[in-house]
Amino acid sequence: MFTETRVRVASEPPVELFVARSRNSRREPLLVIHGGPDWDHTYLRTPLSRLADRRMVILPDLRGCGRSTRGLTDEHYTPKAATEDLAALLDALEVEQADVLGFSYGGYLAQRLALSAPERVRRLIIASSSVLPVPEDAFDHWPERTERLKAEAAVWSDPSLSGMELTRAAAFASASANVWRAEVLPEYLEVLHEVRFSGDWLRGWQAGTLPSARLPDAPRELAALGIPLLLLHGRQDMTFPVELVAAALERIPTARGVVLEEAGHMAHIDQPAAWLDALESFLSVDAG
């Protein structure tokens, strides 16, 4: 279903991205940017693998993540560098233009790619992410979120954990917050067991030196750009509040939003069929 390769995208320092790609090289390409960022792409393979017979699905691991180049110094882990890697990856794969899906943190990188190289992006999907900042009080009146995140909070305060062990422990501890439906939690935990976690990006985040991935003027710039844009979100997302979807649509009139009921941050796990249907429906629209 997927071929797996390593692709050189930078020379100073040398960076290779591990890339899983469906074999339909003549089909329309869909570049998928994972979140974390200290995760890899594998938690997104399902349900995206169902598109493998109809599109060229491109699933890279970001620098410092999964099976891509790791062990760089902290200054080489920035949103700008990661975005440049993605543009270079399209060059290496001889993909002139692609539909781009960015998930969670990857949603910020997808926006950056669209705004820095608009000729490379045909349609843009921001999934379980936001083009607007998250207000500090966004979740103040949601006690269930507080309860579901208690285990993760304990992990982050554990001094015995660091690096990839901390990233991995936090991912498992936050599982019940990231999926909404209790019946899919066992499946999600199985997915997490396959993720190759890292801690390369974590160092800069903990030190306060990691630049913000969100572009402050993104709503205005995306509206001016006019690229077809889909905001795909779960109603019970505990990372990016669902209210930001409606607020973004007011600022970007050409965008469309799909909010899935009974779905959390990992909406593609909670509601895989509805999530994929929304994606395919958007991708079937003429980009103009």
Protein backbone atom coordinates (compact mmCIF):
# COMPACT_ATOMS: atom_id res chain seq x y z
CA MET A 1 0.00 0.00 0.00
CA PHE A 2 2.83 2.42 0.93
CA THR A 3 6.43 2.56 -0.18
CA GLU A 4 8.88 3.86 2.42
CA THR A 5 11.96 5.88 1.55
CA ARG A 6 14.30 8.52 2.96
CA VAL A 7 14.55 11.77 1.01
CA ARG A 8 17.33 14.37 1.38
CA VAL A 9 15.75 17.81 1.91
CA ALA A 10 18.58 19.91 3.37
CA SER A 11 22.37 19.92 3.26
CA GLU A 12 23.38 22.26 6.09
CA PRO A 13 22.92 20.44 8.33
CA PRO A 14 22.13 17.28 6.36
CA VAL A 15 18.49 16.31 6.83
CA GLU A 16 16.63 13.34 5.40
CA LEU A 17 12.91 12.85 5.85
CA PHE A 18 11.43 9.40 6.18
CA VAL A 19 8.46 9.28 3.81
CA ALA A 20 5.64 6.79 3.36
CA ARG A 21 3.98 7.22 -0.01
CA SER A 22 1.14 5.40 -1.73
CA ARG A 23 2.15 3.82 -5.01
CA ASN A 24 -0.18 5.81 -7.26
CA SER A 25 2.43 8.31 -8.40
CA ARG A 26 0.18 9.55 -11.22
CA ARG A 27 -2.72 10.38 -8.94
CA GLU A 28 -3.37 13.76 -7.34
CA PRO A 29 -0.94 14.22 -4.44
CA LEU A 30 -2.02 14.79 -0.84
CA LEU A 31 0.77 15.90 1.50
CA VAL A 32 -0.04 15.09 5.15
CA ILE A 33 1.81 16.91 7.95
CA HIS A 34 1.67 15.26 11.35
CA GLY A 35 1.52 17.00 14.72
CA GLY A 36 3.31 16.60 18.00
CA PRO A 37 5.77 17.59 16.78
CA ASP A 38 7.74 14.86 18.60
CA TRP A 39 5.51 12.13 17.13
CA ASP A 40 5.67 10.52 13.69
CA HIS A 41 3.12 10.19 10.90
CA THR A 42 1.86 6.70 11.71
CA TYR A 43 -1.12 7.71 13.86
CA LEU A 44 -2.62 9.27 10.71
CA ARG A 45 -2.22 6.28 8.40
CA THR A 46 -5.72 5.15 9.32
CA PRO A 47 -8.09 6.19 7.81
CA LEU A 48 -5.89 7.94 5.21
CA SER A 49 -4.73 4.56 3.91
CA ARG A 50 -8.20 4.21 2.39
CA LEU A 51 -7.25 6.93 -0.09
CA ALA A 52 -4.14 5.10 -1.23
CA ASP A 53 -5.81 3.60 -4.30
CA ARG A 54 -7.15 6.98 -5.46
CA ARG A 55 -4.47 9.53 -4.53
CA MET A 56 -0.75 9.78 -4.02
CA VAL A 57 -0.77 10.13 -0.23
CA ILE A 58 2.56 11.50 1.06
CA LEU A 59 3.23 10.98 4.78
CA PRO A 60 6.61 12.33 5.94
CA ASP A 61 8.08 12.35 9.43
CA LEU A 62 9.24 15.87 10.26
CA ARG A 63 12.91 16.51 11.02
CA GLY A 64 13.71 15.28 14.51
CA CYS A 65 10.76 12.89 14.41
CA GLY A 66 10.15 9.22 13.78
CA ARG A 67 12.64 7.80 11.31
CA SER A 68 13.76 11.13 9.87
CA THR A 69 17.07 12.78 10.78
CA ARG A 70 17.36 13.27 14.53
CA GLY A 71 19.98 14.50 16.93
CA LEU A 72 20.34 18.00 15.50
CA THR A 73 21.09 20.93 17.77
CA ASP A 74 18.12 22.87 19.09
CA GLU A 75 18.42 25.84 16.71
CA HIS A 76 17.68 23.53 13.80
CA TYR A 77 14.25 22.62 15.13
CA THR A 78 12.05 25.52 14.08
CA PRO A 79 8.72 25.85 12.24
CA LYS A 80 10.55 27.69 9.46
CA ALA A 81 13.07 24.88 8.96
CA ALA A 82 10.34 22.22 9.01
CA THR A 83 8.32 24.15 6.43
CA GLU A 84 11.35 24.52 4.17
CA ASP A 85 11.87 20.75 4.44
CA LEU A 86 8.34 20.15 3.18
CA ALA A 87 8.81 22.41 0.17
CA ALA A 88 12.09 20.65 -0.58
CA LEU A 89 10.34 17.29 -0.26
CA LEU A 90 7.83 18.29 -2.94
CA ASP A 91 10.76 19.29 -5.16
CA ALA A 92 12.51 15.98 -4.60
CA LEU A 93 9.34 14.03 -5.38
CA GLU A 94 8.76 16.18 -8.48
CA VAL A 95 5.39 17.31 -7.17
CA GLU A 96 4.63 20.78 -8.50
CA GLN A 97 1.41 21.24 -6.55
CA ALA A 98 -0.35 19.24 -3.84
CA ASP A 99 -3.36 19.31 -1.61
CA VAL A 100 -2.02 19.76 1.92
CA LEU A 101 -3.48 18.45 5.18
CA GLY A 102 -1.96 19.65 8.44
CA PHE A 103 -3.01 17.96 11.66
CA SER A 104 -2.73 19.71 15.06
CA TYR A 105 0.79 21.27 15.18
CA GLY A 106 1.07 20.24 11.55
CA GLY A 107 -1.83 22.57 10.84
CA TYR A 108 0.42 25.50 11.64
CA LEU A 109 3.11 24.16 9.32
CA ALA A 110 0.54 23.67 6.56
CA GLN A 111 -0.49 27.32 6.87
CA ARG A 112 3.14 28.38 6.70
CA LEU A 113 3.69 26.28 3.56
CA ALA A 114 0.61 27.75 1.88
CA LEU A 115 1.64 31.32 2.68
CA SER A 116 5.34 30.94 1.86
CA ALA A 117 4.83 28.91 -1.33
CA PRO A 118 1.20 29.39 -2.42
CA GLU A 119 1.92 28.03 -5.89
CA ARG A 120 2.64 24.63 -4.30
CA VAL A 121 -0.69 24.28 -2.45
CA ARG A 122 -3.91 23.60 -4.34
CA ARG A 123 -6.23 23.00 -1.38
CA LEU A 124 -5.55 23.34 2.34
CA ILE A 125 -7.02 21.26 5.16
CA ILE A 126 -6.47 22.38 8.75
CA ALA A 127 -7.48 19.38 10.88
CA SER A 128 -7.78 19.53 14.70
CA SER A 129 -5.83 22.78 14.66
CA SER A 130 -6.51 26.50 14.31
CA VAL A 131 -5.69 29.65 12.39
CA LEU A 132 -6.50 31.71 15.51
CA PRO A 133 -4.79 31.81 18.92
CA VAL A 134 -6.26 29.71 21.72
CA PRO A 135 -7.58 32.04 24.46
CA GLU A 136 -6.16 31.37 27.92
CA ASP A 137 -9.67 30.94 29.33
CA ALA A 138 -10.96 28.80 26.46
CA PHE A 139 -11.56 25.72 28.62
CA ASP A 140 -12.26 27.33 32.00
CA HIS A 141 -15.80 25.99 32.24
CA TRP A 142 -15.23 22.42 31.10
CA PRO A 143 -14.65 20.28 34.21
CA GLU A 144 -14.60 17.04 32.24
CA ARG A 145 -11.56 18.25 30.34
CA THR A 146 -9.79 18.99 33.63
CA GLU A 147 -10.60 15.51 34.87
CA ARG A 148 -9.44 13.80 31.67
CA LEU A 149 -6.15 15.70 31.68
CA LYS A 150 -5.16 14.95 35.28
CA ALA A 151 -3.01 11.97 34.32
CA GLU A 152 -1.12 13.97 31.69
CA ALA A 153 -0.51 16.83 34.12
CA ALA A 154 1.07 14.34 36.52
CA VAL A 155 3.39 13.10 33.77
CA TRP A 156 4.62 16.59 32.90
CA SER A 157 5.43 17.25 36.54
CA ASP A 158 7.38 14.00 36.98
CA PRO A 159 11.09 14.92 37.27
CA SER A 160 12.18 11.38 36.44
CA LEU A 161 10.92 11.67 32.85
CA SER A 162 12.65 13.47 29.99
CA GLY A 163 13.11 13.32 26.23
CA MET A 164 11.25 10.73 24.25
CA GLU A 165 10.20 8.91 27.44
CA LEU A 166 8.38 12.07 28.53
CA THR A 167 6.77 12.58 25.12
CA ARG A 168 5.60 8.99 25.01
CA ALA A 169 4.30 8.97 28.60
CA ALA A 170 2.40 12.21 28.01
CA ALA A 171 0.80 10.82 24.86
CA PHE A 172 -0.49 7.74 26.66
CA ALA A 173 -1.59 9.73 29.71
CA SER A 174 -3.59 12.13 27.55
CA ALA A 175 -5.26 9.40 25.50
CA SER A 176 -8.65 9.72 27.19
CA ALA A 177 -8.58 13.47 26.52
CA ASN A 178 -7.56 13.13 22.88
CA VAL A 179 -10.33 10.71 21.95
CA TRP A 180 -13.87 11.38 23.11
CA ARG A 181 -15.58 8.02 22.68
CA ALA A 182 -14.57 5.50 25.35
CA GLU A 183 -15.19 2.59 22.98
CA VAL A 184 -12.37 3.68 20.64
CA LEU A 185 -9.81 4.20 23.42
CA PRO A 186 -8.34 0.65 23.15
CA GLU A 187 -7.87 1.13 19.40
CA TYR A 188 -6.20 4.48 19.96
CA LEU A 189 -3.82 3.01 22.52
CA GLU A 190 -2.81 0.39 19.96
CA VAL A 191 -2.09 3.20 17.50
CA LEU A 192 0.10 4.96 20.07
CA HIS A 193 2.14 1.79 20.57
CA GLU A 194 3.24 2.06 16.93
CA VAL A 195 4.33 5.70 17.12
CA ARG A 196 8.09 6.33 17.22
CA PHE A 197 8.22 9.20 19.69
CA SER A 198 11.19 11.54 20.01
CA GLY A 199 12.21 14.40 22.27
CA ASP A 200 14.19 16.60 19.89
CA TRP A 201 11.60 19.40 19.65
CA LEU A 202 10.77 19.10 23.33
CA ARG A 203 14.09 20.59 24.44
CA GLY A 204 13.46 23.95 22.81
CA TRP A 205 9.86 24.03 23.99
CA GLN A 206 10.87 23.39 27.60
CA ALA A 207 13.66 25.98 27.37
CA GLY A 208 11.28 28.56 25.91
CA THR A 209 13.42 28.98 22.79
CA LEU A 210 11.16 27.23 20.27
CA PRO A 211 9.60 29.91 18.02
CA SER A 212 5.82 29.96 17.81
CA ALA A 213 4.52 28.00 14.85
CA ARG A 214 1.37 30.09 14.55
CA LEU A 215 1.57 33.04 12.17
CA PRO A 216 -0.12 36.01 13.87
CA ASP A 217 -1.66 37.38 10.67
CA ALA A 218 -2.62 34.01 9.21
CA PRO A 219 -6.40 34.62 8.98
CA ARG A 220 -6.02 37.81 6.94
CA GLU A 221 -3.28 36.35 4.75
CA LEU A 222 -5.17 33.12 4.08
CA ALA A 223 -8.30 35.09 3.23
CA ALA A 224 -6.32 37.21 0.77
CA LEU A 225 -4.67 34.13 -0.70
CA GLY A 226 -8.00 32.56 -1.63
CA ILE A 227 -6.83 28.94 -1.55
CA PRO A 228 -9.75 26.56 -0.88
CA LEU A 229 -9.62 25.91 2.85
CA LEU A 230 -11.30 23.32 5.05
CA LEU A 231 -11.34 23.47 8.84
CA LEU A 232 -12.00 19.89 10.00
CA HIS A 233 -12.63 19.59 13.72
CA GLY A 234 -14.10 17.48 16.50
CA ARG A 235 -16.82 19.00 18.67
CA GLN A 236 -15.09 17.80 21.87
CA ASP A 237 -11.52 18.78 20.93
CA MET A 238 -9.68 19.47 24.20
CA THR A 239 -6.60 21.00 22.56
CA PHE A 240 -8.10 23.52 20.14
CA PRO A 241 -11.59 24.73 21.17
CA VAL A 242 -14.24 24.15 18.56
CA GLU A 243 -15.43 27.76 18.90
CA LEU A 244 -12.36 28.85 16.96
CA VAL A 245 -13.77 27.23 13.81
CA ALA A 246 -16.73 29.61 13.61
CA ALA A 247 -14.52 32.55 14.52
CA ALA A 248 -12.10 31.66 11.72
CA LEU A 249 -14.90 31.27 9.18
CA GLU A 250 -16.02 34.82 9.93
CA ARG A 251 -12.55 36.06 9.01
CA ILE A 252 -12.01 33.80 6.01
CA PRO A 253 -15.27 33.90 3.99
CA THR A 254 -14.00 31.47 1.36
CA ALA A 255 -13.26 28.76 3.93
CA ARG A 256 -15.63 26.01 4.93
CA GLY A 257 -15.87 24.21 8.25
CA VAL A 258 -16.90 20.70 9.20
CA VAL A 259 -17.40 19.92 12.90
CA LEU A 260 -17.82 16.25 13.74
CA GLU A 261 -20.04 15.29 16.65
CA GLU A 262 -18.83 12.86 19.31
CA ALA A 263 -15.22 13.49 18.30
CA GLY A 264 -12.23 14.84 20.20
CA HIS A 265 -8.80 16.05 19.12
CA MET A 266 -8.15 12.75 17.36
CA ALA A 267 -11.35 13.12 15.37
CA HIS A 268 -10.07 10.70 12.73
CA ILE A 269 -10.00 8.00 15.41
CA ASP A 270 -13.34 8.90 17.00
CA GLN A 271 -15.22 9.22 13.69
CA PRO A 272 -13.04 7.80 10.90
CA ALA A 273 -15.79 7.39 8.30
CA ALA A 274 -17.25 10.87 8.79
CA TRP A 275 -13.77 12.41 8.95
CA LEU A 276 -12.73 10.76 5.69
CA ASP A 277 -16.05 11.61 4.01
CA ALA A 278 -15.58 15.29 4.86
CA LEU A 279 -12.03 15.20 3.53
CA GLU A 280 -12.95 13.46 0.30
CA SER A 281 -15.91 15.75 -0.29
CA PHE A 282 -13.66 18.78 0.02
CA LEU A 283 -10.94 17.29 -2.18
CA SER A 284 -13.48 16.54 -4.90
CA VAL A 285 -14.35 20.23 -5.32
CA ASP A 286 -12.68 21.95 -8.25
CA ALA A 287 -9.85 24.08 -6.86
CA GLY A 288 -10.22 26.52 -9.75
